[in-house]
Amino acid sequence: MNEGLGLLLSVLIGAPGLVCMLTLGTVLFPRIVRLAQRAAAGMPGRSLLLGVVNLLFLTALVVVLTAAGERASSRSGVLEVLALAPALVLASGLTVGLAAMSAMIGDRLVPLRGPISQVLIGAAAIVLAGLTPFLGWFLFFPYIALMGLGGVVIGLFSRAPEPPG
């Protein structure tokens, strides 16, 4: 009984928190979100592939630095602190990528609304779709998150100039 209550409370608190975080990410970093949105919409396969590669690379880097820090003879914790850098890069990339994907989904759902309304509606749609048992948890949400991460990488490191507008 307590597990079900804990899950219900985490969903009731976490879902609005995620929607607010994605909206705030769009407000604070509009250029990066717009670039990631364009990249993910224009090159979905490449975005997904880059998202998977970056997830694997950054996760491996965190694991290696953490393990090396635990094995080091000096217990200063320098390597554990260094492991925070790729973890923060990964978390930031996933957050901005999810904000870009929520903007893209919101644009497709309600194209005549303003950009903030689109992000709110898109983020709510991602949260609701992610709550679908098994398909949402293990297929949809990771797919959206990894495609957004790849879109961020393409958007940030692409040499093509940003179109005006």
C-alpha atoms as a PDB file:
ATOM      1  CA  MET A   1       0.000   0.000   0.000  1.00  0.00           C
ATOM      2  CA  ASN A   2       2.779   2.427   0.889  1.00  0.00           C
ATOM      3  CA  GLU A   3       4.577   1.829  -2.431  1.00  0.00           C
ATOM      4  CA  GLY A   4       1.461   2.805  -4.387  1.00  0.00           C
ATOM      5  CA  LEU A   5       0.992   5.935  -2.310  1.00  0.00           C
ATOM      6  CA  GLY A   6       4.615   6.908  -2.779  1.00  0.00           C
ATOM      7  CA  LEU A   7       4.349   6.408  -6.531  1.00  0.00           C
ATOM      8  CA  LEU A   8       1.151   8.451  -6.679  1.00  0.00           C
ATOM      9  CA  LEU A   9       2.703  11.297  -4.692  1.00  0.00           C
ATOM     10  CA  SER A  10       5.852  11.315  -6.827  1.00  0.00           C
ATOM     11  CA  VAL A  11       3.729  11.519  -9.988  1.00  0.00           C
ATOM     12  CA  LEU A  12       1.500  14.258  -8.560  1.00  0.00           C
ATOM     13  CA  ILE A  13       4.529  16.313  -7.544  1.00  0.00           C
ATOM     14  CA  GLY A  14       6.966  15.320 -10.281  1.00  0.00           C
ATOM     15  CA  ALA A  15       4.705  15.810 -13.312  1.00  0.00           C
ATOM     16  CA  PRO A  16       3.921  19.505 -12.701  1.00  0.00           C
ATOM     17  CA  GLY A  17       7.524  20.028 -11.656  1.00  0.00           C
ATOM     18  CA  LEU A  18       8.780  18.604 -14.958  1.00  0.00           C
ATOM     19  CA  VAL A  19       6.350  20.745 -16.945  1.00  0.00           C
ATOM     20  CA  CYS A  20       7.512  23.853 -15.069  1.00  0.00           C
ATOM     21  CA  MET A  21      11.186  22.948 -15.480  1.00  0.00           C
ATOM     22  CA  LEU A  22      10.828  22.447 -19.239  1.00  0.00           C
ATOM     23  CA  THR A  23       8.943  25.722 -19.587  1.00  0.00           C
ATOM     24  CA  LEU A  24      11.583  27.540 -17.546  1.00  0.00           C
ATOM     25  CA  GLY A  25      14.328  25.987 -19.658  1.00  0.00           C
ATOM     26  CA  THR A  26      12.636  27.333 -22.773  1.00  0.00           C
ATOM     27  CA  VAL A  27      12.309  30.799 -21.258  1.00  0.00           C
ATOM     28  CA  LEU A  28      15.920  30.911 -20.025  1.00  0.00           C
ATOM     29  CA  PHE A  29      17.579  29.364 -23.085  1.00  0.00           C
ATOM     30  CA  PRO A  30      15.349  30.173 -26.077  1.00  0.00           C
ATOM     31  CA  ARG A  31      18.122  30.120 -28.674  1.00  0.00           C
ATOM     32  CA  ILE A  32      19.492  26.721 -27.672  1.00  0.00           C
ATOM     33  CA  VAL A  33      15.991  25.249 -27.437  1.00  0.00           C
ATOM     34  CA  ARG A  34      15.116  26.644 -30.874  1.00  0.00           C
ATOM     35  CA  LEU A  35      18.321  25.229 -32.413  1.00  0.00           C
ATOM     36  CA  ALA A  36      17.743  21.838 -30.805  1.00  0.00           C
ATOM     37  CA  GLN A  37      14.115  21.850 -31.930  1.00  0.00           C
ATOM     38  CA  ARG A  38      15.107  22.555 -35.537  1.00  0.00           C
ATOM     39  CA  ALA A  39      17.811  19.905 -35.490  1.00  0.00           C
ATOM     40  CA  ALA A  40      15.546  17.237 -33.991  1.00  0.00           C
ATOM     41  CA  ALA A  41      12.718  18.046 -36.414  1.00  0.00           C
ATOM     42  CA  GLY A  42      15.005  18.181 -39.455  1.00  0.00           C
ATOM     43  CA  MET A  43      17.198  15.175 -38.662  1.00  0.00           C
ATOM     44  CA  PRO A  44      15.342  12.838 -36.270  1.00  0.00           C
ATOM     45  CA  GLY A  45      17.450   9.752 -37.025  1.00  0.00           C
ATOM     46  CA  ARG A  46      20.754  11.561 -36.623  1.00  0.00           C
ATOM     47  CA  SER A  47      19.484  13.255 -33.465  1.00  0.00           C
ATOM     48  CA  LEU A  48      18.508   9.933 -31.928  1.00  0.00           C
ATOM     49  CA  LEU A  49      21.841   8.347 -32.849  1.00  0.00           C
ATOM     50  CA  LEU A  50      23.824  11.265 -31.422  1.00  0.00           C
ATOM     51  CA  GLY A  51      21.690  11.195 -28.292  1.00  0.00           C
ATOM     52  CA  VAL A  52      22.432   7.521 -27.713  1.00  0.00           C
ATOM     53  CA  VAL A  53      26.156   7.969 -28.398  1.00  0.00           C
ATOM     54  CA  ASN A  54      26.425  10.955 -26.053  1.00  0.00           C
ATOM     55  CA  LEU A  55      24.432   9.200 -23.338  1.00  0.00           C
ATOM     56  CA  LEU A  56      26.728   6.168 -23.502  1.00  0.00           C
ATOM     57  CA  PHE A  57      29.908   8.255 -23.619  1.00  0.00           C
ATOM     58  CA  LEU A  58      29.001  10.586 -20.755  1.00  0.00           C
ATOM     59  CA  THR A  59      27.681   7.748 -18.607  1.00  0.00           C
ATOM     60  CA  ALA A  60      30.866   5.755 -19.168  1.00  0.00           C
ATOM     61  CA  LEU A  61      32.934   8.819 -18.295  1.00  0.00           C
ATOM     62  CA  VAL A  62      31.026   9.290 -15.026  1.00  0.00           C
ATOM     63  CA  VAL A  63      31.432   5.601 -14.137  1.00  0.00           C
ATOM     64  CA  VAL A  64      35.148   5.545 -14.940  1.00  0.00           C
ATOM     65  CA  LEU A  65      35.911   8.730 -13.001  1.00  0.00           C
ATOM     66  CA  THR A  66      33.869   7.589 -10.019  1.00  0.00           C
ATOM     67  CA  ALA A  67      35.480   4.140  -9.982  1.00  0.00           C
ATOM     68  CA  ALA A  68      38.950   5.644 -10.345  1.00  0.00           C
ATOM     69  CA  GLY A  69      38.222   7.999  -7.489  1.00  0.00           C
ATOM     70  CA  GLU A  70      37.146   5.129  -5.258  1.00  0.00           C
ATOM     71  CA  ARG A  71      40.291   3.155  -6.086  1.00  0.00           C
ATOM     72  CA  ALA A  72      42.685   6.087  -5.642  1.00  0.00           C
ATOM     73  CA  SER A  73      44.948   5.870  -2.641  1.00  0.00           C
ATOM     74  CA  SER A  74      44.373   9.494  -1.672  1.00  0.00           C
ATOM     75  CA  ARG A  75      40.859  10.005  -0.404  1.00  0.00           C
ATOM     76  CA  SER A  76      40.658  13.650  -1.434  1.00  0.00           C
ATOM     77  CA  GLY A  77      37.661  13.031  -3.695  1.00  0.00           C
ATOM     78  CA  VAL A  78      39.031  14.994  -6.652  1.00  0.00           C
ATOM     79  CA  LEU A  79      38.006  12.380  -9.217  1.00  0.00           C
ATOM     80  CA  GLU A  80      34.527  12.087  -7.738  1.00  0.00           C
ATOM     81  CA  VAL A  81      34.150  15.840  -8.062  1.00  0.00           C
ATOM     82  CA  LEU A  82      35.431  15.624 -11.646  1.00  0.00           C
ATOM     83  CA  ALA A  83      32.770  12.990 -12.312  1.00  0.00           C
ATOM     84  CA  LEU A  84      30.147  15.636 -11.595  1.00  0.00           C
ATOM     85  CA  ALA A  85      31.089  17.615 -14.720  1.00  0.00           C
ATOM     86  CA  PRO A  86      29.953  15.020 -17.299  1.00  0.00           C
ATOM     87  CA  ALA A  87      26.939  14.195 -15.133  1.00  0.00           C
ATOM     88  CA  LEU A  88      25.899  17.853 -15.129  1.00  0.00           C
ATOM     89  CA  VAL A  89      26.507  18.135 -18.874  1.00  0.00           C
ATOM     90  CA  LEU A  90      24.302  15.088 -19.433  1.00  0.00           C
ATOM     91  CA  ALA A  91      21.542  16.356 -17.134  1.00  0.00           C
ATOM     92  CA  SER A  92      21.616  19.805 -18.746  1.00  0.00           C
ATOM     93  CA  GLY A  93      21.558  18.367 -22.247  1.00  0.00           C
ATOM     94  CA  LEU A  94      18.641  16.096 -21.426  1.00  0.00           C
ATOM     95  CA  THR A  95      16.704  18.952 -19.840  1.00  0.00           C
ATOM     96  CA  VAL A  96      17.216  21.360 -22.740  1.00  0.00           C
ATOM     97  CA  GLY A  97      16.550  18.526 -25.191  1.00  0.00           C
ATOM     98  CA  LEU A  98      13.275  17.689 -23.480  1.00  0.00           C
ATOM     99  CA  ALA A  99      12.353  21.384 -23.556  1.00  0.00           C
ATOM    100  CA  ALA A 100      13.037  21.432 -27.299  1.00  0.00           C
ATOM    101  CA  MET A 101      10.971  18.307 -27.843  1.00  0.00           C
ATOM    102  CA  SER A 102       8.102  19.735 -25.795  1.00  0.00           C
ATOM    103  CA  ALA A 103       8.241  22.886 -27.927  1.00  0.00           C
ATOM    104  CA  MET A 104       8.164  20.766 -31.085  1.00  0.00           C
ATOM    105  CA  ILE A 105       5.261  18.620 -29.867  1.00  0.00           C
ATOM    106  CA  GLY A 106       3.380  21.696 -28.681  1.00  0.00           C
ATOM    107  CA  ASP A 107       3.919  23.351 -32.046  1.00  0.00           C
ATOM    108  CA  ARG A 108       2.437  20.332 -33.771  1.00  0.00           C
ATOM    109  CA  LEU A 109      -0.498  20.053 -31.361  1.00  0.00           C
ATOM    110  CA  VAL A 110      -1.483  23.732 -31.177  1.00  0.00           C
ATOM    111  CA  PRO A 111       0.298  25.647 -33.955  1.00  0.00           C
ATOM    112  CA  LEU A 112      -1.676  28.879 -33.470  1.00  0.00           C
ATOM    113  CA  ARG A 113      -0.759  29.383 -29.806  1.00  0.00           C
ATOM    114  CA  GLY A 114       2.190  31.348 -28.452  1.00  0.00           C
ATOM    115  CA  PRO A 115       5.569  29.697 -27.818  1.00  0.00           C
ATOM    116  CA  ILE A 116       5.145  29.411 -24.038  1.00  0.00           C
ATOM    117  CA  SER A 117       1.685  27.877 -24.407  1.00  0.00           C
ATOM    118  CA  GLN A 118       3.092  25.452 -26.941  1.00  0.00           C
ATOM    119  CA  VAL A 119       5.846  24.388 -24.554  1.00  0.00           C
ATOM    120  CA  LEU A 120       3.384  23.965 -21.677  1.00  0.00           C
ATOM    121  CA  ILE A 121       1.023  21.852 -23.781  1.00  0.00           C
ATOM    122  CA  GLY A 122       3.885  19.864 -25.310  1.00  0.00           C
ATOM    123  CA  ALA A 123       5.439  19.195 -21.898  1.00  0.00           C
ATOM    124  CA  ALA A 124       2.071  18.101 -20.512  1.00  0.00           C
ATOM    125  CA  ALA A 125       1.642  15.779 -23.500  1.00  0.00           C
ATOM    126  CA  ILE A 126       5.111  14.287 -22.917  1.00  0.00           C
ATOM    127  CA  VAL A 127       4.333  13.733 -19.233  1.00  0.00           C
ATOM    128  CA  LEU A 128       0.967  12.127 -19.971  1.00  0.00           C
ATOM    129  CA  ALA A 129       2.427   9.918 -22.695  1.00  0.00           C
ATOM    130  CA  GLY A 130       5.292   8.996 -20.385  1.00  0.00           C
ATOM    131  CA  LEU A 131       2.804   7.799 -17.773  1.00  0.00           C
ATOM    132  CA  THR A 132       1.491   5.129 -20.134  1.00  0.00           C
ATOM    133  CA  PRO A 133       2.509   1.820 -18.569  1.00  0.00           C
ATOM    134  CA  PHE A 134       5.595   0.228 -20.138  1.00  0.00           C
ATOM    135  CA  LEU A 135       5.292   1.867 -23.579  1.00  0.00           C
ATOM    136  CA  GLY A 136       5.639   5.353 -22.138  1.00  0.00           C
ATOM    137  CA  TRP A 137       8.210   4.450 -19.515  1.00  0.00           C
ATOM    138  CA  PHE A 138      10.536   2.324 -21.568  1.00  0.00           C
ATOM    139  CA  LEU A 139       9.970   3.423 -25.168  1.00  0.00           C
ATOM    140  CA  PHE A 140       8.410   6.858 -25.610  1.00  0.00           C
ATOM    141  CA  PHE A 141      10.125   8.878 -22.877  1.00  0.00           C
ATOM    142  CA  PRO A 142      13.661   7.568 -23.572  1.00  0.00           C
ATOM    143  CA  TYR A 143      13.089   8.066 -27.319  1.00  0.00           C
ATOM    144  CA  ILE A 144      12.006  11.691 -26.817  1.00  0.00           C
ATOM    145  CA  ALA A 145      14.800  12.404 -24.318  1.00  0.00           C
ATOM    146  CA  LEU A 146      17.550  10.920 -26.493  1.00  0.00           C
ATOM    147  CA  MET A 147      16.301  12.614 -29.645  1.00  0.00           C
ATOM    148  CA  GLY A 148      16.248  15.915 -27.724  1.00  0.00           C
ATOM    149  CA  LEU A 149      19.790  15.331 -26.428  1.00  0.00           C
ATOM    150  CA  GLY A 150      20.989  14.657 -29.951  1.00  0.00           C
ATOM    151  CA  GLY A 151      19.175  17.770 -31.153  1.00  0.00           C
ATOM    152  CA  VAL A 152      21.012  19.832 -28.556  1.00  0.00           C
ATOM    153  CA  VAL A 153      24.365  18.433 -29.705  1.00  0.00           C
ATOM    154  CA  ILE A 154      23.568  19.092 -33.365  1.00  0.00           C
ATOM    155  CA  GLY A 155      22.149  22.540 -32.617  1.00  0.00           C
ATOM    156  CA  LEU A 156      25.126  23.631 -30.533  1.00  0.00           C
ATOM    157  CA  PHE A 157      27.889  22.254 -32.724  1.00  0.00           C
ATOM    158  CA  SER A 158      26.424  22.735 -36.190  1.00  0.00           C
ATOM    159  CA  ARG A 159      28.268  25.139 -38.468  1.00  0.00           C
ATOM    160  CA  ALA A 160      25.185  26.087 -40.442  1.00  0.00           C
ATOM    161  CA  PRO A 161      24.059  29.650 -39.692  1.00  0.00           C
ATOM    162  CA  GLU A 162      20.785  30.085 -37.862  1.00  0.00           C
ATOM    163  CA  PRO A 163      18.048  31.340 -40.182  1.00  0.00           C
ATOM    164  CA  PRO A 164      16.657  34.762 -39.230  1.00  0.00           C
ATOM    165  CA  GLY A 165      13.300  34.882 -37.558  1.00  0.00           C
END
